[in-house]
Amino acid sequence: ALERVHDAGYLDFLESFWGRWTDAGRSGEAFPFVWPV
């Protein structure tokens, strides 16, 4: 039902985010700082 609206790669990112964030040695809340403008 989510994929009827959202990109699969985006959903993969949301679902895997915390593991990637902690694997990079991070903790706490995440904020982006660079964008493909």
PDB file of all heavy atoms in Angstrom:
ATOM      1  N   ALA A   1       0.824  -1.207   0.000  1.00  0.00           N
ATOM      2  CA  ALA A   1       0.000   0.000   0.000  1.00  0.00           C
ATOM      3  C   ALA A   1       0.861   1.262   0.000  1.00  0.00           C
ATOM      4  O   ALA A   1       0.487   2.274  -0.599  1.00  0.00           O
ATOM      5  CB  ALA A   1      -0.932  -0.001   1.209  1.00  0.00           C
ATOM      6  N   LEU A   2       2.024   1.196   0.648  1.00  0.00           N
ATOM      7  CA  LEU A   2       2.934   2.336   0.658  1.00  0.00           C
ATOM      8  C   LEU A   2       3.588   2.528  -0.706  1.00  0.00           C
ATOM      9  O   LEU A   2       3.795   3.662  -1.168  1.00  0.00           O
ATOM     10  CB  LEU A   2       4.010   2.154   1.731  1.00  0.00           C
ATOM     11  CG  LEU A   2       3.549   1.821   3.141  1.00  0.00           C
ATOM     12  CD1 LEU A   2       4.743   1.731   4.087  1.00  0.00           C
ATOM     13  CD2 LEU A   2       2.532   2.831   3.653  1.00  0.00           C
ATOM     14  N   GLU A   3       3.918   1.421  -1.353  1.00  0.00           N
ATOM     15  CA  GLU A   3       4.585   1.489  -2.658  1.00  0.00           C
ATOM     16  C   GLU A   3       3.666   1.993  -3.764  1.00  0.00           C
ATOM     17  O   GLU A   3       4.150   2.362  -4.837  1.00  0.00           O
ATOM     18  CB  GLU A   3       5.148   0.120  -3.026  1.00  0.00           C
ATOM     19  CG  GLU A   3       6.348  -0.276  -2.194  1.00  0.00           C
ATOM     20  CD  GLU A   3       6.982  -1.583  -2.659  1.00  0.00           C
ATOM     21  OE1 GLU A   3       6.329  -2.325  -3.417  1.00  0.00           O
ATOM     22  OE2 GLU A   3       8.117  -1.852  -2.235  1.00  0.00           O
ATOM     23  N   ARG A   4       2.375   2.035  -3.539  1.00  0.00           N
ATOM     24  CA  ARG A   4       1.470   2.629  -4.514  1.00  0.00           C
ATOM     25  C   ARG A   4       1.676   4.135  -4.603  1.00  0.00           C
ATOM     26  O   ARG A   4       1.285   4.768  -5.581  1.00  0.00           O
ATOM     27  CB  ARG A   4       0.017   2.322  -4.156  1.00  0.00           C
ATOM     28  CG  ARG A   4      -0.350   0.863  -4.250  1.00  0.00           C
ATOM     29  CD  ARG A   4      -0.404   0.404  -5.716  1.00  0.00           C
ATOM     30  NE  ARG A   4      -1.519   1.017  -6.420  1.00  0.00           N
ATOM     31  CZ  ARG A   4      -1.460   1.517  -7.655  1.00  0.00           C
ATOM     32  NH1 ARG A   4      -0.317   1.505  -8.321  1.00  0.00           N
ATOM     33  NH2 ARG A   4      -2.537   2.027  -8.219  1.00  0.00           N
ATOM     34  N   VAL A   5       2.336   4.717  -3.586  1.00  0.00           N
ATOM     35  CA  VAL A   5       2.579   6.160  -3.543  1.00  0.00           C
ATOM     36  C   VAL A   5       4.066   6.486  -3.475  1.00  0.00           C
ATOM     37  O   VAL A   5       4.542   7.414  -4.127  1.00  0.00           O
ATOM     38  CB  VAL A   5       1.847   6.785  -2.329  1.00  0.00           C
ATOM     39  CG1 VAL A   5       2.344   8.194  -2.029  1.00  0.00           C
ATOM     40  CG2 VAL A   5       0.340   6.782  -2.560  1.00  0.00           C
ATOM     41  N   HIS A   6       4.825   5.697  -2.706  1.00  0.00           N
ATOM     42  CA  HIS A   6       6.219   6.035  -2.432  1.00  0.00           C
ATOM     43  C   HIS A   6       7.194   5.155  -3.202  1.00  0.00           C
ATOM     44  O   HIS A   6       6.950   3.966  -3.428  1.00  0.00           O
ATOM     45  CB  HIS A   6       6.496   5.923  -0.933  1.00  0.00           C
ATOM     46  CG  HIS A   6       5.846   7.008  -0.123  1.00  0.00           C
ATOM     47  ND1 HIS A   6       6.261   8.315  -0.163  1.00  0.00           N
ATOM     48  CD2 HIS A   6       4.787   6.968   0.735  1.00  0.00           C
ATOM     49  CE1 HIS A   6       5.500   9.035   0.640  1.00  0.00           C
ATOM     50  NE2 HIS A   6       4.603   8.252   1.189  1.00  0.00           N
ATOM     51  N   ASP A   7       8.317   5.766  -3.562  1.00  0.00           N
ATOM     52  CA  ASP A   7       9.410   5.097  -4.262  1.00  0.00           C
ATOM     53  C   ASP A   7       9.999   3.989  -3.381  1.00  0.00           C
ATOM     54  O   ASP A   7      10.211   4.176  -2.179  1.00  0.00           O
ATOM     55  CB  ASP A   7      10.479   6.140  -4.588  1.00  0.00           C
ATOM     56  CG  ASP A   7      11.733   5.553  -5.159  1.00  0.00           C
ATOM     57  OD1 ASP A   7      11.715   5.169  -6.333  1.00  0.00           O
ATOM     58  OD2 ASP A   7      12.738   5.481  -4.414  1.00  0.00           O
ATOM     59  N   ALA A   8      10.276   2.839  -3.990  1.00  0.00           N
ATOM     60  CA  ALA A   8      10.787   1.695  -3.230  1.00  0.00           C
ATOM     61  C   ALA A   8      12.133   2.006  -2.587  1.00  0.00           C
ATOM     62  O   ALA A   8      12.401   1.602  -1.450  1.00  0.00           O
ATOM     63  CB  ALA A   8      10.891   0.472  -4.138  1.00  0.00           C
ATOM     64  N   GLY A   9      13.000   2.718  -3.303  1.00  0.00           N
ATOM     65  CA  GLY A   9      14.294   3.069  -2.739  1.00  0.00           C
ATOM     66  C   GLY A   9      14.162   3.980  -1.528  1.00  0.00           C
ATOM     67  O   GLY A   9      14.926   3.852  -0.556  1.00  0.00           O
ATOM     68  N   TYR A  10      13.204   4.881  -1.579  1.00  0.00           N
ATOM     69  CA  TYR A  10      12.942   5.768  -0.438  1.00  0.00           C
ATOM     70  C   TYR A  10      12.458   4.975   0.767  1.00  0.00           C
ATOM     71  O   TYR A  10      12.925   5.187   1.887  1.00  0.00           O
ATOM     72  CB  TYR A  10      11.910   6.818  -0.846  1.00  0.00           C
ATOM     73  CG  TYR A  10      11.411   7.682   0.285  1.00  0.00           C
ATOM     74  CD1 TYR A  10      12.282   8.515   0.986  1.00  0.00           C
ATOM     75  CD2 TYR A  10      10.066   7.685   0.642  1.00  0.00           C
ATOM     76  CE1 TYR A  10      11.823   9.318   2.019  1.00  0.00           C
ATOM     77  CE2 TYR A  10       9.592   8.482   1.668  1.00  0.00           C
ATOM     78  CZ  TYR A  10      10.471   9.301   2.360  1.00  0.00           C
ATOM     79  OH  TYR A  10      10.016  10.093   3.375  1.00  0.00           O
ATOM     80  N   LEU A  11      11.549   4.037   0.547  1.00  0.00           N
ATOM     81  CA  LEU A  11      11.073   3.202   1.649  1.00  0.00           C
ATOM     82  C   LEU A  11      12.208   2.353   2.221  1.00  0.00           C
ATOM     83  O   LEU A  11      12.309   2.174   3.442  1.00  0.00           O
ATOM     84  CB  LEU A  11       9.926   2.309   1.172  1.00  0.00           C
ATOM     85  CG  LEU A  11       8.643   3.033   0.769  1.00  0.00           C
ATOM     86  CD1 LEU A  11       7.651   2.043   0.171  1.00  0.00           C
ATOM     87  CD2 LEU A  11       8.020   3.770   1.939  1.00  0.00           C
ATOM     88  N   ASP A  12      13.078   1.841   1.342  1.00  0.00           N
ATOM     89  CA  ASP A  12      14.244   1.088   1.820  1.00  0.00           C
ATOM     90  C   ASP A  12      15.105   1.956   2.726  1.00  0.00           C
ATOM     91  O   ASP A  12      15.602   1.493   3.770  1.00  0.00           O
ATOM     92  CB  ASP A  12      15.084   0.593   0.641  1.00  0.00           C
ATOM     93  CG  ASP A  12      14.414  -0.508  -0.152  1.00  0.00           C
ATOM     94  OD1 ASP A  12      13.463  -1.131   0.371  1.00  0.00           O
ATOM     95  OD2 ASP A  12      14.843  -0.750  -1.298  1.00  0.00           O
ATOM     96  N   PHE A  13      15.304   3.208   2.312  1.00  0.00           N
ATOM     97  CA  PHE A  13      16.098   4.140   3.117  1.00  0.00           C
ATOM     98  C   PHE A  13      15.485   4.339   4.503  1.00  0.00           C
ATOM     99  O   PHE A  13      16.174   4.237   5.530  1.00  0.00           O
ATOM    100  CB  PHE A  13      16.216   5.485   2.402  1.00  0.00           C
ATOM    101  CG  PHE A  13      16.563   6.623   3.311  1.00  0.00           C
ATOM    102  CD1 PHE A  13      17.845   6.757   3.826  1.00  0.00           C
ATOM    103  CD2 PHE A  13      15.592   7.561   3.683  1.00  0.00           C
ATOM    104  CE1 PHE A  13      18.163   7.800   4.690  1.00  0.00           C
ATOM    105  CE2 PHE A  13      15.900   8.598   4.543  1.00  0.00           C
ATOM    106  CZ  PHE A  13      17.186   8.716   5.044  1.00  0.00           C
ATOM    107  N   LEU A  14      14.187   4.627   4.550  1.00  0.00           N
ATOM    108  CA  LEU A  14      13.540   4.841   5.846  1.00  0.00           C
ATOM    109  C   LEU A  14      13.637   3.607   6.727  1.00  0.00           C
ATOM    110  O   LEU A  14      13.923   3.701   7.931  1.00  0.00           O
ATOM    111  CB  LEU A  14      12.073   5.219   5.644  1.00  0.00           C
ATOM    112  CG  LEU A  14      11.769   6.602   5.076  1.00  0.00           C
ATOM    113  CD1 LEU A  14      10.264   6.763   4.890  1.00  0.00           C
ATOM    114  CD2 LEU A  14      12.310   7.718   5.972  1.00  0.00           C
ATOM    115  N   GLU A  15      13.418   2.442   6.123  1.00  0.00           N
ATOM    116  CA  GLU A  15      13.394   1.205   6.888  1.00  0.00           C
ATOM    117  C   GLU A  15      14.774   0.825   7.415  1.00  0.00           C
ATOM    118  O   GLU A  15      14.908   0.292   8.515  1.00  0.00           O
ATOM    119  CB  GLU A  15      12.822   0.083   6.025  1.00  0.00           C
ATOM    120  CG  GLU A  15      12.446  -1.157   6.789  1.00  0.00           C
ATOM    121  CD  GLU A  15      11.559  -2.091   5.988  1.00  0.00           C
ATOM    122  OE1 GLU A  15      11.448  -1.908   4.758  1.00  0.00           O
ATOM    123  OE2 GLU A  15      10.964  -2.988   6.598  1.00  0.00           O
ATOM    124  N   SER A  16      15.809   1.134   6.644  1.00  0.00           N
ATOM    125  CA  SER A  16      17.167   0.721   7.023  1.00  0.00           C
ATOM    126  C   SER A  16      17.960   1.841   7.687  1.00  0.00           C
ATOM    127  O   SER A  16      19.109   1.627   8.095  1.00  0.00           O
ATOM    128  CB  SER A  16      17.932   0.263   5.771  1.00  0.00           C
ATOM    129  OG  SER A  16      18.135   1.346   4.873  1.00  0.00           O
ATOM    130  N   PHE A  17      17.347   3.013   7.811  1.00  0.00           N
ATOM    131  CA  PHE A  17      18.084   4.194   8.259  1.00  0.00           C
ATOM    132  C   PHE A  17      18.841   3.976   9.562  1.00  0.00           C
ATOM    133  O   PHE A  17      20.031   4.258   9.671  1.00  0.00           O
ATOM    134  CB  PHE A  17      17.149   5.403   8.408  1.00  0.00           C
ATOM    135  CG  PHE A  17      17.683   6.421   9.362  1.00  0.00           C
ATOM    136  CD1 PHE A  17      18.741   7.233   8.995  1.00  0.00           C
ATOM    137  CD2 PHE A  17      17.198   6.515  10.667  1.00  0.00           C
ATOM    138  CE1 PHE A  17      19.287   8.144   9.890  1.00  0.00           C
ATOM    139  CE2 PHE A  17      17.743   7.407  11.570  1.00  0.00           C
ATOM    140  CZ  PHE A  17      18.785   8.229  11.174  1.00  0.00           C
ATOM    141  N   TRP A  18      18.145   3.484  10.606  1.00  0.00           N
ATOM    142  CA  TRP A  18      18.767   3.443  11.929  1.00  0.00           C
ATOM    143  C   TRP A  18      19.992   2.539  11.941  1.00  0.00           C
ATOM    144  O   TRP A  18      21.028   2.883  12.549  1.00  0.00           O
ATOM    145  CB  TRP A  18      17.768   3.012  12.987  1.00  0.00           C
ATOM    146  CG  TRP A  18      18.337   3.131  14.378  1.00  0.00           C
ATOM    147  CD1 TRP A  18      18.673   2.114  15.212  1.00  0.00           C
ATOM    148  CD2 TRP A  18      18.661   4.344  15.063  1.00  0.00           C
ATOM    149  NE1 TRP A  18      19.177   2.604  16.388  1.00  0.00           N
ATOM    150  CE2 TRP A  18      19.187   3.978  16.334  1.00  0.00           C
ATOM    151  CE3 TRP A  18      18.552   5.690  14.740  1.00  0.00           C
ATOM    152  CZ2 TRP A  18      19.604   4.921  17.269  1.00  0.00           C
ATOM    153  CZ3 TRP A  18      18.978   6.635  15.679  1.00  0.00           C
ATOM    154  CH2 TRP A  18      19.495   6.246  16.920  1.00  0.00           C
ATOM    155  N   GLY A  19      19.918   1.409  11.261  1.00  0.00           N
ATOM    156  CA  GLY A  19      21.078   0.534  11.192  1.00  0.00           C
ATOM    157  C   GLY A  19      22.249   1.196  10.489  1.00  0.00           C
ATOM    158  O   GLY A  19      23.402   1.079  10.932  1.00  0.00           O
ATOM    159  N   ARG A  20      21.977   1.893   9.402  1.00  0.00           N
ATOM    160  CA  ARG A  20      23.049   2.600   8.677  1.00  0.00           C
ATOM    161  C   ARG A  20      23.643   3.712   9.545  1.00  0.00           C
ATOM    162  O   ARG A  20      24.856   3.943   9.537  1.00  0.00           O
ATOM    163  CB  ARG A  20      22.495   3.195   7.376  1.00  0.00           C
ATOM    164  CG  ARG A  20      22.150   2.168   6.304  1.00  0.00           C
ATOM    165  CD  ARG A  20      21.432   2.851   5.155  1.00  0.00           C
ATOM    166  NE  ARG A  20      21.140   1.970   4.056  1.00  0.00           N
ATOM    167  CZ  ARG A  20      21.904   1.817   2.972  1.00  0.00           C
ATOM    168  NH1 ARG A  20      23.030   2.474   2.863  1.00  0.00           N
ATOM    169  NH2 ARG A  20      21.541   0.996   2.005  1.00  0.00           N
ATOM    170  N   TRP A  21      22.777   4.411  10.261  1.00  0.00           N
ATOM    171  CA  TRP A  21      23.212   5.531  11.101  1.00  0.00           C
ATOM    172  C   TRP A  21      24.123   5.046  12.228  1.00  0.00           C
ATOM    173  O   TRP A  21      25.205   5.596  12.455  1.00  0.00           O
ATOM    174  CB  TRP A  21      21.970   6.208  11.669  1.00  0.00           C
ATOM    175  CG  TRP A  21      22.149   7.437  12.490  1.00  0.00           C
ATOM    176  CD1 TRP A  21      21.833   7.580  13.807  1.00  0.00           C
ATOM    177  CD2 TRP A  21      22.643   8.711  12.057  1.00  0.00           C
ATOM    178  NE1 TRP A  21      22.096   8.866  14.230  1.00  0.00           N
ATOM    179  CE2 TRP A  21      22.592   9.583  13.177  1.00  0.00           C
ATOM    180  CE3 TRP A  21      23.128   9.199  10.855  1.00  0.00           C
ATOM    181  CZ2 TRP A  21      23.007  10.913  13.113  1.00  0.00           C
ATOM    182  CZ3 TRP A  21      23.541  10.521  10.777  1.00  0.00           C
ATOM    183  CH2 TRP A  21      23.478  11.364  11.895  1.00  0.00           C
ATOM    184  N   THR A  22      23.737   3.988  12.890  1.00  0.00           N
ATOM    185  CA  THR A  22      24.548   3.472  13.994  1.00  0.00           C
ATOM    186  C   THR A  22      25.783   2.750  13.485  1.00  0.00           C
ATOM    187  O   THR A  22      26.840   2.789  14.133  1.00  0.00           O
ATOM    188  CB  THR A  22      23.715   2.547  14.895  1.00  0.00           C
ATOM    189  OG1 THR A  22      23.124   1.504  14.113  1.00  0.00           O
ATOM    190  CG2 THR A  22      22.612   3.337  15.600  1.00  0.00           C
ATOM    191  N   ASP A  23      25.699   2.099  12.320  1.00  0.00           N
ATOM    192  CA  ASP A  23      26.878   1.461  11.733  1.00  0.00           C
ATOM    193  C   ASP A  23      27.959   2.487  11.411  1.00  0.00           C
ATOM    194  O   ASP A  23      29.153   2.162  11.390  1.00  0.00           O
ATOM    195  CB  ASP A  23      26.506   0.699  10.463  1.00  0.00           C
ATOM    196  CG  ASP A  23      25.771  -0.604  10.760  1.00  0.00           C
ATOM    197  OD1 ASP A  23      25.737  -1.008  11.946  1.00  0.00           O
ATOM    198  OD2 ASP A  23      25.219  -1.195   9.810  1.00  0.00           O
ATOM    199  N   ALA A  24      27.531   3.730  11.143  1.00  0.00           N
ATOM    200  CA  ALA A  24      28.490   4.799  10.858  1.00  0.00           C
ATOM    201  C   ALA A  24      29.028   5.433  12.131  1.00  0.00           C
ATOM    202  O   ALA A  24      29.736   6.451  12.078  1.00  0.00           O
ATOM    203  CB  ALA A  24      27.823   5.863   9.991  1.00  0.00           C
ATOM    204  N   GLY A  25      28.699   4.828  13.291  1.00  0.00           N
ATOM    205  CA  GLY A  25      29.209   5.327  14.551  1.00  0.00           C
ATOM    206  C   GLY A  25      28.406   6.479  15.112  1.00  0.00           C
ATOM    207  O   GLY A  25      28.864   7.183  16.027  1.00  0.00           O
ATOM    208  N   ARG A  26      27.204   6.682  14.593  1.00  0.00           N
ATOM    209  CA  ARG A  26      26.376   7.793  15.044  1.00  0.00           C
ATOM    210  C   ARG A  26      25.385   7.327  16.104  1.00  0.00           C
ATOM    211  O   ARG A  26      25.054   6.147  16.206  1.00  0.00           O
ATOM    212  CB  ARG A  26      25.597   8.388  13.869  1.00  0.00           C
ATOM    213  CG  ARG A  26      26.420   8.635  12.610  1.00  0.00           C
ATOM    214  CD  ARG A  26      27.372   9.805  12.738  1.00  0.00           C
ATOM    215  NE  ARG A  26      28.167   9.988  11.532  1.00  0.00           N
ATOM    216  CZ  ARG A  26      27.735  10.556  10.411  1.00  0.00           C
ATOM    217  NH1 ARG A  26      26.486  10.962  10.304  1.00  0.00           N
ATOM    218  NH2 ARG A  26      28.548  10.709   9.389  1.00  0.00           N
ATOM    219  N   SER A  27      24.860   8.284  16.866  1.00  0.00           N
ATOM    220  CA  SER A  27      23.790   8.007  17.817  1.00  0.00           C
ATOM    221  C   SER A  27      22.937   9.259  17.919  1.00  0.00           C
ATOM    222  O   SER A  27      23.336  10.344  17.492  1.00  0.00           O
ATOM    223  CB  SER A  27      24.361   7.621  19.189  1.00  0.00           C
ATOM    224  OG  SER A  27      25.108   8.698  19.730  1.00  0.00           O
ATOM    225  N   GLY A  28      21.757   9.132  18.480  1.00  0.00           N
ATOM    226  CA  GLY A  28      20.882  10.291  18.599  1.00  0.00           C
ATOM    227  C   GLY A  28      20.185  10.613  17.293  1.00  0.00           C
ATOM    228  O   GLY A  28      20.232   9.856  16.317  1.00  0.00           O
ATOM    229  N   GLU A  29      19.525  11.748  17.264  1.00  0.00           N
ATOM    230  CA  GLU A  29      18.718  12.144  16.116  1.00  0.00           C
ATOM    231  C   GLU A  29      19.581  12.601  14.953  1.00  0.00           C
ATOM    232  O   GLU A  29      20.650  13.193  15.141  1.00  0.00           O
ATOM    233  CB  GLU A  29      17.757  13.261  16.527  1.00  0.00           C
ATOM    234  CG  GLU A  29      16.775  12.811  17.583  1.00  0.00           C
ATOM    235  CD  GLU A  29      16.014  13.947  18.230  1.00  0.00           C
ATOM    236  OE1 GLU A  29      16.398  15.121  18.051  1.00  0.00           O
ATOM    237  OE2 GLU A  29      15.040  13.650  18.929  1.00  0.00           O
ATOM    238  N   ALA A  30      19.091  12.326  13.748  1.00  0.00           N
ATOM    239  CA  ALA A  30      19.847  12.642  12.539  1.00  0.00           C
ATOM    240  C   ALA A  30      19.224  13.815  11.801  1.00  0.00           C
ATOM    241  O   ALA A  30      17.999  13.906  11.679  1.00  0.00           O
ATOM    242  CB  ALA A  30      19.890  11.430  11.622  1.00  0.00           C
ATOM    243  N   PHE A  31      20.083  14.683  11.281  1.00  0.00           N
ATOM    244  CA  PHE A  31      19.662  15.783  10.418  1.00  0.00           C
ATOM    245  C   PHE A  31      20.548  15.810   9.176  1.00  0.00           C
ATOM    246  O   PHE A  31      21.769  15.665   9.282  1.00  0.00           O
ATOM    247  CB  PHE A  31      19.795  17.133  11.135  1.00  0.00           C
ATOM    248  CG  PHE A  31      18.924  17.287  12.343  1.00  0.00           C
ATOM    249  CD1 PHE A  31      19.407  16.949  13.604  1.00  0.00           C
ATOM    250  CD2 PHE A  31      17.635  17.766  12.235  1.00  0.00           C
ATOM    251  CE1 PHE A  31      18.611  17.094  14.730  1.00  0.00           C
ATOM    252  CE2 PHE A  31      16.829  17.910  13.352  1.00  0.00           C
ATOM    253  CZ  PHE A  31      17.323  17.575  14.598  1.00  0.00           C
ATOM    254  N   PRO A  32      19.966  16.003   7.999  1.00  0.00           N
ATOM    255  CA  PRO A  32      20.787  16.129   6.793  1.00  0.00           C
ATOM    256  C   PRO A  32      21.494  17.478   6.750  1.00  0.00           C
ATOM    257  O   PRO A  32      21.079  18.429   7.424  1.00  0.00           O
ATOM    258  CB  PRO A  32      19.750  16.022   5.667  1.00  0.00           C
ATOM    259  CG  PRO A  32      18.497  16.549   6.275  1.00  0.00           C
ATOM    260  CD  PRO A  32      18.528  16.140   7.724  1.00  0.00           C
ATOM    261  N   PHE A  33      22.552  17.551   5.935  1.00  0.00           N
ATOM    262  CA  PHE A  33      23.260  18.824   5.830  1.00  0.00           C
ATOM    263  C   PHE A  33      23.719  19.144   4.410  1.00  0.00           C
ATOM    264  O   PHE A  33      24.324  20.193   4.175  1.00  0.00           O
ATOM    265  CB  PHE A  33      24.460  18.867   6.787  1.00  0.00           C
ATOM    266  CG  PHE A  33      25.561  17.895   6.456  1.00  0.00           C
ATOM    267  CD1 PHE A  33      26.602  18.243   5.607  1.00  0.00           C
ATOM    268  CD2 PHE A  33      25.558  16.620   7.008  1.00  0.00           C
ATOM    269  CE1 PHE A  33      27.614  17.340   5.315  1.00  0.00           C
ATOM    270  CE2 PHE A  33      26.561  15.718   6.720  1.00  0.00           C
ATOM    271  CZ  PHE A  33      27.600  16.069   5.866  1.00  0.00           C
ATOM    272  N   VAL A  34      23.439  18.250   3.448  1.00  0.00           N
ATOM    273  CA  VAL A  34      23.819  18.528   2.065  1.00  0.00           C
ATOM    274  C   VAL A  34      22.737  17.948   1.161  1.00  0.00           C
ATOM    275  O   VAL A  34      22.200  16.873   1.429  1.00  0.00           O
ATOM    276  CB  VAL A  34      25.207  17.926   1.736  1.00  0.00           C
ATOM    277  CG1 VAL A  34      25.234  16.416   1.919  1.00  0.00           C
ATOM    278  CG2 VAL A  34      25.655  18.314   0.327  1.00  0.00           C
ATOM    279  N   TRP A  35      22.392  18.714   0.082  1.00  0.00           N
ATOM    280  CA  TRP A  35      21.290  18.310  -0.798  1.00  0.00           C
ATOM    281  C   TRP A  35      21.701  18.432  -2.264  1.00  0.00           C
ATOM    282  O   TRP A  35      22.509  19.299  -2.616  1.00  0.00           O
ATOM    283  CB  TRP A  35      20.063  19.210  -0.570  1.00  0.00           C
ATOM    284  CG  TRP A  35      19.426  19.018   0.757  1.00  0.00           C
ATOM    285  CD1 TRP A  35      18.432  18.145   1.081  1.00  0.00           C
ATOM    286  CD2 TRP A  35      19.738  19.708   1.969  1.00  0.00           C
ATOM    287  NE1 TRP A  35      18.103  18.246   2.407  1.00  0.00           N
ATOM    288  CE2 TRP A  35      18.889  19.192   2.976  1.00  0.00           C
ATOM    289  CE3 TRP A  35      20.654  20.712   2.311  1.00  0.00           C
ATOM    290  CZ2 TRP A  35      18.931  19.654   4.291  1.00  0.00           C
ATOM    291  CZ3 TRP A  35      20.688  21.165   3.621  1.00  0.00           C
ATOM    292  CH2 TRP A  35      19.839  20.632   4.594  1.00  0.00           C
ATOM    293  N   PRO A  36      21.128  17.596  -3.137  1.00  0.00           N
ATOM    294  CA  PRO A  36      21.427  17.682  -4.576  1.00  0.00           C
ATOM    295  C   PRO A  36      20.601  18.780  -5.240  1.00  0.00           C
ATOM    296  O   PRO A  36      19.646  18.528  -5.973  1.00  0.00           O
ATOM    297  CB  PRO A  36      21.033  16.287  -5.084  1.00  0.00           C
ATOM    298  CG  PRO A  36      19.938  15.856  -4.166  1.00  0.00           C
ATOM    299  CD  PRO A  36      20.273  16.434  -2.821  1.00  0.00           C
ATOM    300  N   VAL A  37      20.941  20.027  -4.981  1.00  0.00           N
ATOM    301  CA  VAL A  37      20.220  21.164  -5.555  1.00  0.00           C
ATOM    302  C   VAL A  37      20.625  21.362  -7.014  1.00  0.00           C
ATOM    303  O   VAL A  37      21.373  20.556  -7.587  1.00  0.00           O
ATOM    304  CB  VAL A  37      20.473  22.444  -4.736  1.00  0.00           C
ATOM    305  CG1 VAL A  37      19.950  22.274  -3.321  1.00  0.00           C
ATOM    306  CG2 VAL A  37      21.958  22.794  -4.700  1.00  0.00           C
TER     307      VAL A  37
END
